[in-house]
Amino acid sequence: MLNIIRKIIRWFFTWLYFVLIICLAGAVIGVVSHLLFGLIFMDSPDYGYQAAFGFSNGLRYGGVWAGGFAIVLCVMRARKEYLQVQVES
């Protein structure tokens, strides 16, 4: 029973790790893209506003995809671990 609880906690934190990484990537991509678009398409952009708006949009859209994509990554990792155990035994 304790082993099952450990596995559940491990996979929960693995899923949370992937969610946070995906949200961080979305936020960074949002900031960079909004700053570049502001630099290219605006005459005198407010870089602070552009960065904040990009962070907000990137985090929002990254968060939409993060949960499901993290589940997919967890399944891929579990399959890899399963196959490694099969090869070792």
N, C-alpha and C. Protein backbone atom coordinates (compact mmCIF):
# COMPACT_ATOMS: atom_id res chain seq x y z
N MET A 1 0.82 -1.19 0.00
CA MET A 1 0.00 0.00 0.00
C MET A 1 0.86 1.26 0.00
N LEU A 2 1.91 1.23 0.81
CA LEU A 2 2.81 2.39 0.88
C LEU A 2 3.52 2.61 -0.44
N ASN A 3 3.84 1.52 -1.13
CA ASN A 3 4.50 1.62 -2.43
C ASN A 3 3.60 2.30 -3.46
N ILE A 4 2.30 2.00 -3.41
CA ILE A 4 1.35 2.62 -4.34
C ILE A 4 1.24 4.12 -4.07
N ILE A 5 1.22 4.49 -2.80
CA ILE A 5 1.13 5.91 -2.44
C ILE A 5 2.38 6.65 -2.91
N ARG A 6 3.54 6.03 -2.76
CA ARG A 6 4.78 6.64 -3.24
C ARG A 6 4.75 6.86 -4.74
N LYS A 7 4.24 5.88 -5.48
CA LYS A 7 4.16 6.00 -6.93
C LYS A 7 3.19 7.12 -7.34
N ILE A 8 2.07 7.21 -6.65
CA ILE A 8 1.10 8.25 -6.96
C ILE A 8 1.71 9.62 -6.71
N ILE A 9 2.38 9.78 -5.58
CA ILE A 9 3.01 11.06 -5.25
C ILE A 9 4.11 11.38 -6.26
N ARG A 10 4.89 10.38 -6.63
CA ARG A 10 5.97 10.59 -7.61
C ARG A 10 5.41 11.06 -8.94
N TRP A 11 4.36 10.39 -9.43
CA TRP A 11 3.80 10.77 -10.73
C TRP A 11 3.08 12.11 -10.65
N PHE A 12 2.50 12.44 -9.51
CA PHE A 12 1.88 13.75 -9.36
C PHE A 12 2.92 14.86 -9.47
N PHE A 13 4.05 14.68 -8.78
CA PHE A 13 5.09 15.70 -8.85
C PHE A 13 5.77 15.74 -10.23
N THR A 14 5.85 14.60 -10.89
CA THR A 14 6.36 14.59 -12.26
C THR A 14 5.42 15.36 -13.17
N TRP A 15 4.13 15.14 -13.04
CA TRP A 15 3.14 15.88 -13.83
C TRP A 15 3.21 17.37 -13.53
N LEU A 16 3.31 17.72 -12.25
CA LEU A 16 3.40 19.13 -11.86
C LEU A 16 4.66 19.78 -12.42
N TYR A 17 5.76 19.05 -12.41
CA TYR A 17 7.01 19.54 -12.98
C TYR A 17 6.83 19.87 -14.46
N PHE A 18 6.22 18.97 -15.21
CA PHE A 18 6.00 19.21 -16.63
C PHE A 18 5.07 20.39 -16.86
N VAL A 19 4.03 20.52 -16.04
CA VAL A 19 3.10 21.65 -16.18
C VAL A 19 3.83 22.97 -15.96
N LEU A 20 4.66 23.02 -14.94
CA LEU A 20 5.38 24.26 -14.65
C LEU A 20 6.38 24.61 -15.75
N ILE A 21 7.05 23.61 -16.27
CA ILE A 21 8.00 23.85 -17.36
C ILE A 21 7.28 24.36 -18.61
N ILE A 22 6.14 23.79 -18.92
CA ILE A 22 5.38 24.21 -20.10
C ILE A 22 4.84 25.63 -19.92
N CYS A 23 4.36 25.95 -18.73
CA CYS A 23 3.87 27.31 -18.46
C CYS A 23 5.01 28.32 -18.52
N LEU A 24 6.16 27.95 -17.99
CA LEU A 24 7.33 28.84 -18.07
C LEU A 24 7.76 29.07 -19.51
N ALA A 25 7.79 28.02 -20.29
CA ALA A 25 8.15 28.15 -21.70
C ALA A 25 7.14 29.05 -22.42
N GLY A 26 5.86 28.87 -22.14
CA GLY A 26 4.84 29.72 -22.76
C GLY A 26 5.02 31.19 -22.38
N ALA A 27 5.32 31.45 -21.12
CA ALA A 27 5.52 32.83 -20.67
C ALA A 27 6.74 33.46 -21.34
N VAL A 28 7.83 32.71 -21.41
CA VAL A 28 9.05 33.24 -22.04
C VAL A 28 8.82 33.50 -23.52
N ILE A 29 8.19 32.55 -24.20
CA ILE A 29 7.91 32.73 -25.63
C ILE A 29 6.96 33.91 -25.83
N GLY A 30 5.99 34.08 -24.95
CA GLY A 30 5.08 35.22 -25.04
C GLY A 30 5.79 36.54 -24.89
N VAL A 31 6.67 36.65 -23.91
CA VAL A 31 7.42 37.90 -23.71
C VAL A 31 8.29 38.20 -24.92
N VAL A 32 9.03 37.21 -25.38
CA VAL A 32 9.94 37.44 -26.52
C VAL A 32 9.16 37.79 -27.77
N SER A 33 8.08 37.07 -28.05
CA SER A 33 7.32 37.33 -29.27
C SER A 33 6.65 38.70 -29.23
N HIS A 34 6.09 39.09 -28.10
CA HIS A 34 5.43 40.39 -28.02
C HIS A 34 6.44 41.53 -28.11
N LEU A 35 7.60 41.34 -27.51
CA LEU A 35 8.63 42.37 -27.65
C LEU A 35 9.11 42.50 -29.09
N LEU A 36 9.30 41.38 -29.75
CA LEU A 36 9.73 41.42 -31.16
C LEU A 36 8.66 42.03 -32.05
N PHE A 37 7.41 41.62 -31.87
CA PHE A 37 6.33 42.19 -32.68
C PHE A 37 6.18 43.69 -32.41
N GLY A 38 6.32 44.10 -31.15
CA GLY A 38 6.26 45.52 -30.83
C GLY A 38 7.40 46.29 -31.47
N LEU A 39 8.58 45.70 -31.48
CA LEU A 39 9.74 46.34 -32.08
C LEU A 39 9.59 46.45 -33.59
N ILE A 40 9.03 45.43 -34.21
CA ILE A 40 8.91 45.40 -35.67
C ILE A 40 7.73 46.24 -36.17
N PHE A 41 6.57 46.14 -35.53
CA PHE A 41 5.35 46.70 -36.08
C PHE A 41 4.88 48.00 -35.43
N MET A 42 5.50 48.45 -34.35
CA MET A 42 5.06 49.67 -33.67
C MET A 42 6.14 50.74 -33.78
N ASP A 43 5.70 52.00 -33.83
CA ASP A 43 6.65 53.10 -33.93
C ASP A 43 7.41 53.33 -32.62
N SER A 44 6.69 53.46 -31.53
CA SER A 44 7.35 53.64 -30.23
C SER A 44 6.63 52.78 -29.19
N PRO A 45 6.97 51.50 -29.14
CA PRO A 45 6.25 50.61 -28.21
C PRO A 45 6.67 50.85 -26.76
N ASP A 46 5.74 50.59 -25.88
CA ASP A 46 6.02 50.59 -24.45
C ASP A 46 6.50 49.18 -24.10
N TYR A 47 7.79 49.02 -23.93
CA TYR A 47 8.37 47.69 -23.76
C TYR A 47 7.91 47.00 -22.49
N GLY A 48 7.67 47.76 -21.45
CA GLY A 48 7.16 47.17 -20.21
C GLY A 48 5.78 46.59 -20.39
N TYR A 49 4.92 47.35 -21.08
CA TYR A 49 3.57 46.86 -21.35
C TYR A 49 3.61 45.66 -22.28
N GLN A 50 4.42 45.74 -23.32
CA GLN A 50 4.52 44.63 -24.27
C GLN A 50 5.00 43.36 -23.56
N ALA A 51 5.99 43.49 -22.69
CA ALA A 51 6.51 42.32 -21.98
C ALA A 51 5.46 41.75 -21.03
N ALA A 52 4.75 42.63 -20.31
CA ALA A 52 3.72 42.16 -19.39
C ALA A 52 2.56 41.51 -20.14
N PHE A 53 2.17 42.10 -21.27
CA PHE A 53 1.09 41.54 -22.07
C PHE A 53 1.51 40.20 -22.66
N GLY A 54 2.75 40.11 -23.12
CA GLY A 54 3.26 38.85 -23.65
C GLY A 54 3.35 37.77 -22.59
N PHE A 55 3.78 38.15 -21.39
CA PHE A 55 3.84 37.19 -20.28
C PHE A 55 2.44 36.66 -19.97
N SER A 56 1.47 37.58 -19.89
CA SER A 56 0.09 37.19 -19.59
C SER A 56 -0.47 36.25 -20.67
N ASN A 57 -0.31 36.62 -21.92
CA ASN A 57 -0.81 35.78 -23.02
C ASN A 57 -0.09 34.44 -23.08
N GLY A 58 1.23 34.46 -22.96
CA GLY A 58 2.00 33.22 -23.03
C GLY A 58 1.67 32.27 -21.89
N LEU A 59 1.52 32.81 -20.70
CA LEU A 59 1.16 31.98 -19.55
C LEU A 59 -0.25 31.42 -19.71
N ARG A 60 -1.16 32.24 -20.21
CA ARG A 60 -2.54 31.78 -20.41
C ARG A 60 -2.61 30.65 -21.44
N TYR A 61 -1.99 30.87 -22.59
CA TYR A 61 -2.06 29.85 -23.64
C TYR A 61 -1.20 28.64 -23.32
N GLY A 62 -0.08 28.85 -22.64
CA GLY A 62 0.71 27.72 -22.18
C GLY A 62 -0.05 26.89 -21.16
N GLY A 63 -0.79 27.59 -20.28
CA GLY A 63 -1.58 26.90 -19.27
C GLY A 63 -2.72 26.08 -19.85
N VAL A 64 -3.25 26.52 -20.98
CA VAL A 64 -4.32 25.76 -21.63
C VAL A 64 -3.81 24.39 -22.06
N TRP A 65 -2.60 24.35 -22.59
CA TRP A 65 -2.04 23.11 -23.12
C TRP A 65 -1.25 22.32 -22.10
N ALA A 66 -0.87 22.93 -21.00
CA ALA A 66 0.07 22.31 -20.07
C ALA A 66 -0.43 21.02 -19.44
N GLY A 67 -1.66 21.01 -18.96
CA GLY A 67 -2.16 19.83 -18.26
C GLY A 67 -2.20 18.59 -19.12
N GLY A 68 -2.78 18.71 -20.30
CA GLY A 68 -2.88 17.56 -21.20
C GLY A 68 -1.54 17.12 -21.74
N PHE A 69 -0.72 18.09 -22.11
CA PHE A 69 0.59 17.74 -22.64
C PHE A 69 1.46 17.11 -21.57
N ALA A 70 1.30 17.55 -20.32
CA ALA A 70 2.05 16.94 -19.21
C ALA A 70 1.62 15.49 -18.99
N ILE A 71 0.34 15.20 -19.15
CA ILE A 71 -0.12 13.82 -19.04
C ILE A 71 0.51 12.96 -20.13
N VAL A 72 0.55 13.49 -21.34
CA VAL A 72 1.18 12.76 -22.45
C VAL A 72 2.65 12.50 -22.15
N LEU A 73 3.36 13.50 -21.64
CA LEU A 73 4.77 13.31 -21.31
C LEU A 73 4.96 12.30 -20.19
N CYS A 74 4.06 12.28 -19.21
CA CYS A 74 4.13 11.29 -18.14
C CYS A 74 3.91 9.88 -18.68
N VAL A 75 2.96 9.72 -19.58
CA VAL A 75 2.72 8.41 -20.18
C VAL A 75 3.93 7.96 -20.98
N MET A 76 4.53 8.88 -21.71
CA MET A 76 5.73 8.52 -22.48
C MET A 76 6.87 8.10 -21.55
N ARG A 77 7.03 8.83 -20.46
CA ARG A 77 8.09 8.48 -19.50
C ARG A 77 7.79 7.13 -18.83
N ALA A 78 6.54 6.89 -18.48
CA ALA A 78 6.17 5.61 -17.86
C ALA A 78 6.41 4.46 -18.82
N ARG A 79 6.09 4.65 -20.08
CA ARG A 79 6.33 3.60 -21.08
C ARG A 79 7.83 3.31 -21.22
N LYS A 80 8.63 4.36 -21.22
CA LYS A 80 10.08 4.18 -21.31
C LYS A 80 10.61 3.41 -20.10
N GLU A 81 10.15 3.78 -18.91
CA GLU A 81 10.58 3.06 -17.70
C GLU A 81 10.12 1.61 -17.73
N TYR A 82 8.91 1.36 -18.20
CA TYR A 82 8.38 0.00 -18.30
C TYR A 82 9.24 -0.84 -19.24
N LEU A 83 9.58 -0.27 -20.39
CA LEU A 83 10.41 -1.01 -21.35
C LEU A 83 11.80 -1.28 -20.82
N GLN A 84 12.36 -0.33 -20.06
CA GLN A 84 13.68 -0.55 -19.46
C GLN A 84 13.64 -1.69 -18.45
N VAL A 85 12.58 -1.76 -17.66
CA VAL A 85 12.44 -2.87 -16.70
C VAL A 85 12.30 -4.19 -17.42
N GLN A 86 11.58 -4.22 -18.54
CA GLN A 86 11.40 -5.43 -19.32
C GLN A 86 12.73 -5.92 -19.91
N VAL A 87 13.55 -4.99 -20.36
CA VAL A 87 14.85 -5.36 -20.95
C VAL A 87 15.79 -5.88 -19.86
N GLU A 88 15.76 -5.25 -18.69
CA GLU A 88 16.65 -5.66 -17.59
C GLU A 88 16.29 -7.03 -17.03
N SER A 89 15.04 -7.40 -17.08
CA SER A 89 14.64 -8.69 -16.48
C SER A 89 14.59 -9.81 -17.49
